[in-house]
């Protein structure tokens, strides 16, 4: 009986530790996504590279880009002010992968007009060899 209680106690402690790790990872995953969106709005290409995996892919309104193609497309908006606001963030995290889905409201300030667009977005993240979370897949759909 003592052995059974001891084994149950050990399993309980391990599960609590894993739960705390996943909570910490969930916070980190959300920060990586927030940092990625901030890097897009600031057109910080170095930061985008740091936050994305080597095989990053983004699906945006039916188009498919790798990071190089996405960065080239983003350069076309150098004269446009961009501000994003993420809401309704949900994330699921396990040991080495994470999924997140959320709403993103984008305000695009052109020299002669301002456009506000709403998006539904999702991201898949993986841990790299240094145990850092990186975005491997990003999906963005403009709501009509």
C-alpha atoms as a PDB file:
ATOM      1  CA  UNK A   1       0.000   0.000   0.000  1.00  0.00           C
ATOM      2  CA  UNK A   2       2.857   2.393   0.841  1.00  0.00           C
ATOM      3  CA  UNK A   3       4.387   1.746  -2.576  1.00  0.00           C
ATOM      4  CA  UNK A   4       1.097   2.514  -4.311  1.00  0.00           C
ATOM      5  CA  UNK A   5       0.711   5.803  -2.430  1.00  0.00           C
ATOM      6  CA  UNK A   6       4.311   6.716  -3.224  1.00  0.00           C
ATOM      7  CA  UNK A   7       3.866   5.934  -6.936  1.00  0.00           C
ATOM      8  CA  UNK A   8       0.633   7.969  -7.078  1.00  0.00           C
ATOM      9  CA  UNK A   9       2.360  10.865  -5.355  1.00  0.00           C
ATOM     10  CA  UNK A  10       5.239  10.780  -7.852  1.00  0.00           C
ATOM     11  CA  UNK A  11       2.807  10.726 -10.813  1.00  0.00           C
ATOM     12  CA  UNK A  12       0.898  13.649  -9.303  1.00  0.00           C
ATOM     13  CA  UNK A  13       4.074  15.692  -8.880  1.00  0.00           C
ATOM     14  CA  UNK A  14       5.174  14.963 -12.459  1.00  0.00           C
ATOM     15  CA  UNK A  15       1.795  15.920 -13.879  1.00  0.00           C
ATOM     16  CA  UNK A  16       1.773  19.178 -11.902  1.00  0.00           C
ATOM     17  CA  UNK A  17       5.260  19.996 -13.162  1.00  0.00           C
ATOM     18  CA  UNK A  18       4.260  19.276 -16.782  1.00  0.00           C
ATOM     19  CA  UNK A  19       1.157  21.421 -16.361  1.00  0.00           C
ATOM     20  CA  UNK A  20       3.257  24.322 -15.080  1.00  0.00           C
ATOM     21  CA  UNK A  21       5.703  23.886 -17.975  1.00  0.00           C
ATOM     22  CA  UNK A  22       2.843  23.965 -20.477  1.00  0.00           C
ATOM     23  CA  UNK A  23       1.448  27.128 -18.852  1.00  0.00           C
ATOM     24  CA  UNK A  24       4.871  28.780 -19.123  1.00  0.00           C
ATOM     25  CA  UNK A  25       5.193  27.557 -22.718  1.00  0.00           C
ATOM     26  CA  UNK A  26       1.694  28.860 -23.531  1.00  0.00           C
ATOM     27  CA  UNK A  27       2.706  32.308 -22.289  1.00  0.00           C
ATOM     28  CA  UNK A  28       5.886  32.123 -24.386  1.00  0.00           C
ATOM     29  CA  UNK A  29       3.977  30.955 -27.480  1.00  0.00           C
ATOM     30  CA  UNK A  30       1.552  33.870 -27.186  1.00  0.00           C
ATOM     31  CA  UNK A  31       4.491  36.257 -26.811  1.00  0.00           C
ATOM     32  CA  UNK A  32       6.189  34.831 -29.927  1.00  0.00           C
ATOM     33  CA  UNK A  33       2.997  35.399 -31.927  1.00  0.00           C
ATOM     34  CA  UNK A  34       2.630  38.907 -30.528  1.00  0.00           C
ATOM     35  CA  UNK A  35       6.296  39.641 -31.319  1.00  0.00           C
ATOM     36  CA  UNK A  36       5.799  38.299 -34.849  1.00  0.00           C
ATOM     37  CA  UNK A  37       2.775  40.528 -35.472  1.00  0.00           C
ATOM     38  CA  UNK A  38       4.674  43.503 -34.016  1.00  0.00           C
ATOM     39  CA  UNK A  39       7.644  42.730 -36.284  1.00  0.00           C
ATOM     40  CA  UNK A  40       5.292  42.699 -39.301  1.00  0.00           C
ATOM     41  CA  UNK A  41       3.787  46.053 -38.373  1.00  0.00           C
ATOM     42  CA  UNK A  42       7.269  47.504 -37.770  1.00  0.00           C
ATOM     43  CA  UNK A  43       8.663  45.792 -40.886  1.00  0.00           C
ATOM     44  CA  UNK A  44      11.469  44.369 -38.753  1.00  0.00           C
ATOM     45  CA  UNK A  45      12.769  41.711 -41.140  1.00  0.00           C
ATOM     46  CA  UNK A  46      15.559  40.514 -38.836  1.00  0.00           C
ATOM     47  CA  UNK A  47      13.081  39.896 -36.018  1.00  0.00           C
ATOM     48  CA  UNK A  48      10.754  38.063 -38.425  1.00  0.00           C
ATOM     49  CA  UNK A  49      13.614  35.736 -39.378  1.00  0.00           C
ATOM     50  CA  UNK A  50      14.390  35.093 -35.705  1.00  0.00           C
ATOM     51  CA  UNK A  51      10.778  34.208 -34.895  1.00  0.00           C
ATOM     52  CA  UNK A  52      10.181  31.941 -37.892  1.00  0.00           C
ATOM     53  CA  UNK A  53      11.539  28.471 -38.523  1.00  0.00           C
ATOM     54  CA  UNK A  54      13.715  27.809 -41.565  1.00  0.00           C
ATOM     55  CA  UNK A  55      10.780  26.147 -43.326  1.00  0.00           C
ATOM     56  CA  UNK A  56       8.227  28.842 -42.433  1.00  0.00           C
ATOM     57  CA  UNK A  57       5.147  29.119 -44.667  1.00  0.00           C
ATOM     58  CA  UNK A  58       2.338  31.660 -44.558  1.00  0.00           C
ATOM     59  CA  UNK A  59      -1.071  31.261 -46.188  1.00  0.00           C
ATOM     60  CA  UNK A  60      -2.713  34.626 -46.666  1.00  0.00           C
ATOM     61  CA  UNK A  61      -5.991  35.004 -48.546  1.00  0.00           C
ATOM     62  CA  UNK A  62      -5.246  32.140 -50.911  1.00  0.00           C
ATOM     63  CA  UNK A  63      -1.571  33.001 -51.454  1.00  0.00           C
ATOM     64  CA  UNK A  64       1.335  30.892 -50.186  1.00  0.00           C
ATOM     65  CA  UNK A  65       4.692  32.436 -49.305  1.00  0.00           C
ATOM     66  CA  UNK A  66       7.912  31.390 -47.604  1.00  0.00           C
ATOM     67  CA  UNK A  67       9.676  33.990 -45.434  1.00  0.00           C
ATOM     68  CA  UNK A  68      11.692  35.472 -48.313  1.00  0.00           C
ATOM     69  CA  UNK A  69       8.561  35.923 -50.427  1.00  0.00           C
ATOM     70  CA  UNK A  70       6.587  37.284 -47.475  1.00  0.00           C
ATOM     71  CA  UNK A  71       9.326  39.816 -46.686  1.00  0.00           C
ATOM     72  CA  UNK A  72       9.399  40.968 -50.325  1.00  0.00           C
ATOM     73  CA  UNK A  73       5.617  41.437 -50.255  1.00  0.00           C
ATOM     74  CA  UNK A  74       5.847  43.341 -46.969  1.00  0.00           C
ATOM     75  CA  UNK A  75       8.468  45.673 -48.493  1.00  0.00           C
ATOM     76  CA  UNK A  76       5.769  46.845 -50.919  1.00  0.00           C
ATOM     77  CA  UNK A  77       4.052  48.416 -47.892  1.00  0.00           C
ATOM     78  CA  UNK A  78       7.054  50.393 -46.604  1.00  0.00           C
ATOM     79  CA  UNK A  79       5.155  53.689 -46.955  1.00  0.00           C
ATOM     80  CA  UNK A  80       2.068  52.305 -45.178  1.00  0.00           C
ATOM     81  CA  UNK A  81       1.664  52.599 -41.427  1.00  0.00           C
ATOM     82  CA  UNK A  82       0.399  49.332 -39.964  1.00  0.00           C
ATOM     83  CA  UNK A  83      -1.118  48.742 -36.544  1.00  0.00           C
ATOM     84  CA  UNK A  84      -2.441  45.364 -35.418  1.00  0.00           C
ATOM     85  CA  UNK A  85      -4.550  44.452 -32.412  1.00  0.00           C
ATOM     86  CA  UNK A  86      -4.864  40.778 -31.481  1.00  0.00           C
ATOM     87  CA  UNK A  87      -7.939  39.578 -29.569  1.00  0.00           C
ATOM     88  CA  UNK A  88      -9.611  36.279 -28.688  1.00  0.00           C
ATOM     89  CA  UNK A  89      -6.289  34.432 -28.420  1.00  0.00           C
ATOM     90  CA  UNK A  90      -6.526  30.679 -27.839  1.00  0.00           C
ATOM     91  CA  UNK A  91      -3.555  28.338 -27.693  1.00  0.00           C
ATOM     92  CA  UNK A  92      -2.866  24.669 -27.107  1.00  0.00           C
ATOM     93  CA  UNK A  93       0.685  23.645 -26.219  1.00  0.00           C
ATOM     94  CA  UNK A  94       2.339  20.274 -25.846  1.00  0.00           C
ATOM     95  CA  UNK A  95       5.989  19.305 -25.526  1.00  0.00           C
ATOM     96  CA  UNK A  96       7.326  20.516 -28.882  1.00  0.00           C
ATOM     97  CA  UNK A  97       4.391  21.957 -30.830  1.00  0.00           C
ATOM     98  CA  UNK A  98       1.751  24.601 -30.292  1.00  0.00           C
ATOM     99  CA  UNK A  99      -1.377  25.760 -32.077  1.00  0.00           C
ATOM    100  CA  UNK A 100      -2.955  29.176 -31.688  1.00  0.00           C
ATOM    101  CA  UNK A 101      -5.954  30.895 -33.251  1.00  0.00           C
ATOM    102  CA  UNK A 102      -7.094  34.474 -32.809  1.00  0.00           C
ATOM    103  CA  UNK A 103      -8.612  37.616 -34.334  1.00  0.00           C
ATOM    104  CA  UNK A 104      -6.441  40.412 -35.664  1.00  0.00           C
ATOM    105  CA  UNK A 105      -7.678  43.908 -36.453  1.00  0.00           C
ATOM    106  CA  UNK A 106      -5.355  45.723 -38.841  1.00  0.00           C
ATOM    107  CA  UNK A 107      -5.324  49.464 -39.390  1.00  0.00           C
ATOM    108  CA  UNK A 108      -3.448  50.480 -42.537  1.00  0.00           C
ATOM    109  CA  UNK A 109      -2.594  54.163 -42.835  1.00  0.00           C
ATOM    110  CA  UNK A 110      -1.857  55.248 -46.401  1.00  0.00           C
ATOM    111  CA  UNK A 111      -0.861  58.813 -47.306  1.00  0.00           C
ATOM    112  CA  UNK A 112      -4.408  59.586 -48.462  1.00  0.00           C
ATOM    113  CA  UNK A 113      -6.650  57.115 -46.598  1.00  0.00           C
ATOM    114  CA  UNK A 114      -6.936  54.696 -43.703  1.00  0.00           C
ATOM    115  CA  UNK A 115      -8.307  51.179 -44.069  1.00  0.00           C
ATOM    116  CA  UNK A 116      -9.366  48.896 -41.205  1.00  0.00           C
ATOM    117  CA  UNK A 117      -9.513  45.159 -41.879  1.00  0.00           C
ATOM    118  CA  UNK A 118     -10.411  42.238 -39.641  1.00  0.00           C
ATOM    119  CA  UNK A 119      -8.667  38.894 -39.942  1.00  0.00           C
ATOM    120  CA  UNK A 120      -9.007  35.438 -38.457  1.00  0.00           C
ATOM    121  CA  UNK A 121      -5.564  33.952 -38.008  1.00  0.00           C
ATOM    122  CA  UNK A 122      -3.817  30.867 -36.739  1.00  0.00           C
ATOM    123  CA  UNK A 123      -0.247  29.816 -36.145  1.00  0.00           C
ATOM    124  CA  UNK A 124       1.614  26.581 -35.599  1.00  0.00           C
ATOM    125  CA  UNK A 125       4.826  26.741 -33.616  1.00  0.00           C
ATOM    126  CA  UNK A 126       7.621  24.254 -32.989  1.00  0.00           C
ATOM    127  CA  UNK A 127      10.622  24.230 -30.691  1.00  0.00           C
ATOM    128  CA  UNK A 128      13.980  24.632 -32.390  1.00  0.00           C
ATOM    129  CA  UNK A 129      17.156  22.787 -31.378  1.00  0.00           C
ATOM    130  CA  UNK A 130      17.814  25.437 -28.693  1.00  0.00           C
ATOM    131  CA  UNK A 131      14.330  24.874 -27.195  1.00  0.00           C
ATOM    132  CA  UNK A 132      13.008  28.215 -28.483  1.00  0.00           C
ATOM    133  CA  UNK A 133       9.523  28.481 -29.948  1.00  0.00           C
ATOM    134  CA  UNK A 134       9.386  29.421 -33.632  1.00  0.00           C
ATOM    135  CA  UNK A 135       6.492  29.869 -36.045  1.00  0.00           C
ATOM    136  CA  UNK A 136       6.502  27.235 -38.769  1.00  0.00           C
ATOM    137  CA  UNK A 137       3.065  28.004 -40.239  1.00  0.00           C
ATOM    138  CA  UNK A 138       0.888  31.112 -40.191  1.00  0.00           C
ATOM    139  CA  UNK A 139      -2.558  31.491 -41.726  1.00  0.00           C
ATOM    140  CA  UNK A 140      -4.437  34.743 -42.215  1.00  0.00           C
ATOM    141  CA  UNK A 141      -7.856  35.213 -43.782  1.00  0.00           C
ATOM    142  CA  UNK A 142      -9.432  38.629 -44.273  1.00  0.00           C
ATOM    143  CA  UNK A 143     -13.014  38.668 -43.078  1.00  0.00           C
ATOM    144  CA  UNK A 144     -15.380  40.034 -45.679  1.00  0.00           C
END
